[in-house]
Protein backbone atom coordinates (compact mmCIF):
# COMPACT_ATOMS: atom_id res chain seq x y z
CA MET A 1 199.60 291.60 53.00
CA ALA A 2 198.36 291.35 56.52
CA ASP A 3 195.46 293.52 57.45
CA ALA A 4 194.34 294.11 61.00
CA ASN A 5 190.78 294.11 59.95
CA SER A 6 191.18 290.63 58.66
CA ILE A 7 191.64 289.18 62.18
CA ASP A 8 188.34 287.61 63.01
CA THR A 9 186.94 288.89 66.39
CA SER A 10 183.34 288.02 65.77
CA ASP A 11 183.32 285.32 68.56
CA ILE A 12 185.54 286.97 71.15
CA GLN A 13 185.07 289.91 73.53
CA VAL A 14 187.28 292.73 72.44
CA ARG A 15 187.21 296.55 72.30
CA ARG A 16 188.82 297.94 69.24
CA ILE A 17 190.18 301.36 69.37
CA PRO A 18 190.82 302.69 65.90
CA GLU A 19 191.30 306.30 66.70
CA ALA A 20 194.64 305.26 68.26
CA ALA A 21 195.95 304.82 64.78
CA SER A 22 196.10 308.53 64.43
CA VAL A 23 198.75 308.52 67.10
CA GLY A 24 200.83 305.46 66.71
CA GLY A 25 199.75 304.39 63.27
CA GLU A 26 198.32 301.01 64.32
CA THR A 27 195.02 299.72 65.48
CA VAL A 28 194.67 298.97 69.34
CA TYR A 29 192.59 295.95 70.50
CA SER A 30 191.78 295.96 74.25
CA PHE A 31 190.86 292.89 76.30
CA GLU A 32 189.73 292.08 79.70
CA ASP A 33 189.02 288.41 79.25
CA ALA A 34 191.98 286.12 79.34
CA ALA A 35 190.71 283.52 76.87
CA ALA A 36 189.81 286.20 74.29
CA TYR A 37 193.19 287.75 74.78
CA ARG A 38 195.11 284.42 74.25
CA SER A 39 192.88 283.45 71.20
CA PHE A 40 193.30 286.81 69.50
CA CYS A 41 197.12 286.59 69.99
CA GLU A 42 197.09 283.23 68.32
CA ARG A 43 194.97 284.64 65.43
CA ALA A 44 197.26 287.63 65.06
CA PHE A 45 200.22 285.18 64.64
CA ALA A 46 198.42 283.16 62.13
CA LYS A 47 197.70 286.46 60.13
CA GLY A 48 201.48 287.20 59.95
CA TYR A 49 202.24 289.30 62.89
CA ASN A 50 205.32 287.40 63.54
CA PHE A 51 207.58 289.94 65.37
CA PRO A 52 206.91 291.29 68.92
CA ASN A 53 208.29 294.97 68.85
CA CYS A 54 207.69 295.44 72.59
CA LEU A 55 205.76 293.94 75.59
CA THR A 56 205.47 296.13 78.70
CA GLY A 57 203.10 296.92 81.53
CA LEU A 58 201.44 300.02 82.96
CA ASP A 59 199.58 300.87 86.12
CA MET A 60 196.40 302.54 84.98
CA GLY A 61 195.30 303.57 88.38
CA TYR A 62 192.28 301.13 88.29
CA GLY A 63 194.32 297.98 87.53
CA LEU A 64 197.38 296.91 85.48
CA ARG A 65 197.75 296.73 81.74
CA SER A 66 199.88 294.41 79.56
CA VAL A 67 200.81 296.07 76.35
CA LEU A 68 201.92 294.01 73.33
CA ASN A 69 202.97 295.72 70.15
CA LEU A 70 203.26 293.37 67.10
CA ARG A 71 204.64 293.82 63.55
CA ASN A 72 204.25 291.88 60.43
CA LEU A 73 207.70 291.78 58.87
CA ASP A 74 206.32 291.16 55.26
CA ASP A 75 204.45 294.47 54.94
CA PHE A 76 205.48 296.24 58.26
CA SER A 77 201.88 296.76 59.44
CA GLU A 78 201.46 296.96 63.24
CA ILE A 79 198.94 296.22 65.90
CA THR A 80 198.85 296.75 69.66
CA ILE A 81 197.11 294.48 72.12
CA TRP A 82 196.07 295.73 75.56
CA MET A 83 195.06 293.29 78.40
CA ASP A 84 193.68 294.97 81.53
CA VAL A 85 193.54 293.12 84.77
CA PRO A 86 192.44 294.03 88.41
CA TYR A 87 195.14 294.55 91.11
CA ASP A 88 193.86 291.60 93.21
CA ALA A 89 193.93 289.22 90.13
CA PRO A 90 196.67 290.37 87.81
CA HIS A 91 196.71 287.19 85.61
CA VAL A 92 197.35 287.59 81.83
CA PRO A 93 198.11 284.56 79.67
CA SER A 94 201.70 284.22 78.62
CA VAL A 95 202.49 284.37 74.85
CA THR A 96 206.00 283.08 75.07
CA ASP A 97 205.05 279.87 73.24
CA ILE A 98 203.86 282.06 70.36
CA TRP A 99 206.61 284.73 70.42
CA GLY A 100 209.69 283.44 72.24
CA GLY A 101 211.21 286.82 72.31
CA VAL A 102 208.76 288.23 74.91
CA GLU A 103 210.08 285.76 77.64
CA TRP A 104 212.23 288.43 79.28
CA HIS A 105 209.70 291.13 78.67
CA GLU A 106 207.04 289.29 80.64
CA ARG A 107 209.45 288.79 83.40
CA GLU A 108 210.31 292.44 83.47
CA ALA A 109 206.53 293.43 83.62
CA TYR A 110 206.05 290.86 86.43
CA ASP A 111 209.12 292.12 88.34
CA LEU A 112 208.26 295.93 88.20
CA LEU A 113 204.51 295.84 88.07
CA GLY A 114 203.32 292.39 89.45
CA ILE A 115 201.52 291.15 86.29
CA ILE A 116 201.50 287.42 86.55
CA TYR A 117 201.95 285.86 83.16
CA THR A 118 200.08 282.46 83.41
CA GLY A 119 202.08 279.79 81.62
CA HIS A 120 205.34 281.48 81.48
CA PRO A 121 208.18 279.01 81.64
CA ASP A 122 210.21 280.76 84.18
CA LEU A 123 208.39 283.74 85.77
CA ARG A 124 210.74 285.27 88.27
CA ARG A 125 212.29 288.68 88.89
CA ILE A 126 214.78 289.81 86.30
CA LEU A 127 216.01 293.22 87.56
CA LEU A 128 215.24 293.25 91.28
CA GLU A 129 216.70 290.65 93.69
CA ASP A 130 214.41 287.81 94.79
CA HIS A 131 213.89 289.08 98.33
CA TRP A 132 211.82 292.16 97.15
CA THR A 133 208.33 291.86 98.30
CA ILE A 134 206.98 294.86 96.18
CA HIS A 135 206.50 295.67 92.57
CA PRO A 136 207.97 299.30 92.54
CA LEU A 137 206.27 300.73 89.34
CA GLN A 138 202.82 300.38 90.84
CA ARG A 139 201.27 303.76 91.54
CA ARG A 140 200.70 302.81 95.33
CA TYR A 141 204.40 303.24 95.90
CA ASP A 142 206.42 306.41 95.95
CA THR A 143 209.83 306.76 94.24
CA GLY A 144 211.55 305.27 97.45
CA GLY A 145 209.54 302.19 97.32
CA TYR A 146 207.26 303.20 100.26
CA LEU A 147 203.59 302.60 100.29
CA ILE A 148 201.66 305.84 99.73
CA PRO A 149 198.96 305.98 102.72
CA SER A 150 196.55 308.01 100.79
CA TRP A 151 196.58 305.84 97.59
CA GLU A 152 193.30 304.19 96.48
CA ALA A 153 192.49 302.38 93.34
CA GLN A 154 190.30 304.22 90.90
CA ALA A 155 186.93 302.73 89.91
CA TRP A 156 187.08 300.40 86.89
CA PRO A 157 186.07 302.37 83.78
CA ASN A 158 182.74 301.95 82.27
CA TRP A 159 183.88 301.77 78.63
CA GLU A 160 180.36 301.66 77.12
CA GLU A 161 179.32 304.93 79.06
CA MET A 162 182.61 306.65 78.03
CA ALA A 163 182.02 305.68 74.37
CA ARG A 164 178.53 306.99 74.53
CA LEU A 165 179.69 310.31 76.00
CA LYS A 166 182.44 310.56 73.49
CA GLU A 167 179.83 309.99 70.73
CA GLU A 168 177.71 312.74 72.18
CA GLU A 169 180.52 315.14 72.33
CA ALA A 170 181.38 314.55 68.73
CA LYS A 171 177.84 315.05 67.74
CA LYS A 172 177.66 318.33 69.63
CA ALA A 173 180.97 319.53 68.08
CA ALA A 174 179.62 318.67 64.60
CA GLU A 175 176.48 320.51 65.21
CA ALA A 176 178.38 323.57 66.60
CA ALA A 177 180.64 323.55 63.63
CA LYS A 178 177.75 323.33 61.32
CA LYS A 179 176.02 326.29 63.14
CA ARG A 180 179.13 328.43 62.91
CA ALA A 181 179.31 327.54 59.03
CA GLU A 182 175.73 328.60 58.67
CA GLU A 183 176.13 331.79 60.63
CA ALA A 184 179.32 332.77 58.59
CA LYS A 185 177.43 332.07 55.45
CA ALA A 186 174.43 334.16 56.48
CA LYS A 187 176.86 336.89 57.68
CA ALA A 188 178.67 336.86 54.29
CA ALA A 189 175.34 336.94 52.33
CA ALA A 190 174.10 339.91 54.55
CA ALA A 191 177.33 341.85 53.88
CA LYS A 192 177.13 341.12 50.13
CA ALA A 193 173.47 342.29 50.08
CA ALA A 194 174.36 345.54 52.01
CA LYS A 195 177.19 346.19 49.55
CA ASP A 196 174.90 345.52 46.57
CA ALA A 197 172.38 347.87 48.01
CA GLU A 198 175.10 350.53 48.53
CA ASP A 199 176.27 350.18 45.10
CA ALA A 200 172.85 350.39 43.65
CA ALA A 201 172.26 353.57 45.68
CA LYS A 202 175.47 355.21 44.34
CA GLU A 203 174.34 354.40 40.86
CA GLY A 204 170.85 355.96 41.46
CA ASP A 205 172.52 359.08 42.81
CA ALA A 206 174.72 359.31 39.86
């Protein structure tokens, strides 16, 4: 049976997001390096992830994200692969030669979001007409396709700092929970002691 943990990532730059498994049931791998993304996709296929459930794109506010969800048809395990790229260089390696079924999906993400899938055999618009000059699902455009004058790209996330802050928050939450438990235990012990003292006093009066 395929295991997401068995995909070797020791020599490629990847950010693994295991907590996403609590939402979608699969592990998420996030990339910013094109060669690492492409290498991981090849390894995933070799490990049995032979069915692309979906390939789509997102505008993250700081750049564009290509999202690829894969399934192993032998054991039905799934993984999701993200590739984040900046607005001014939105290049993601095509994986149509690995999973032929994503050819139209990559075209759709290009058409609506402007993600350029390098190596795609026929990268052209699939929903909109060829004369369109914009990619309408980018955040910089309103629902009418007009540029929003006040739109500005967000700063690229500092994933390491975010991970550190999240770890600190989790540590503080654990410490607070421990403190609450200790206080509850002490309160219960005090209440028991008071009750025992009261019962002893009643017995003495009797």
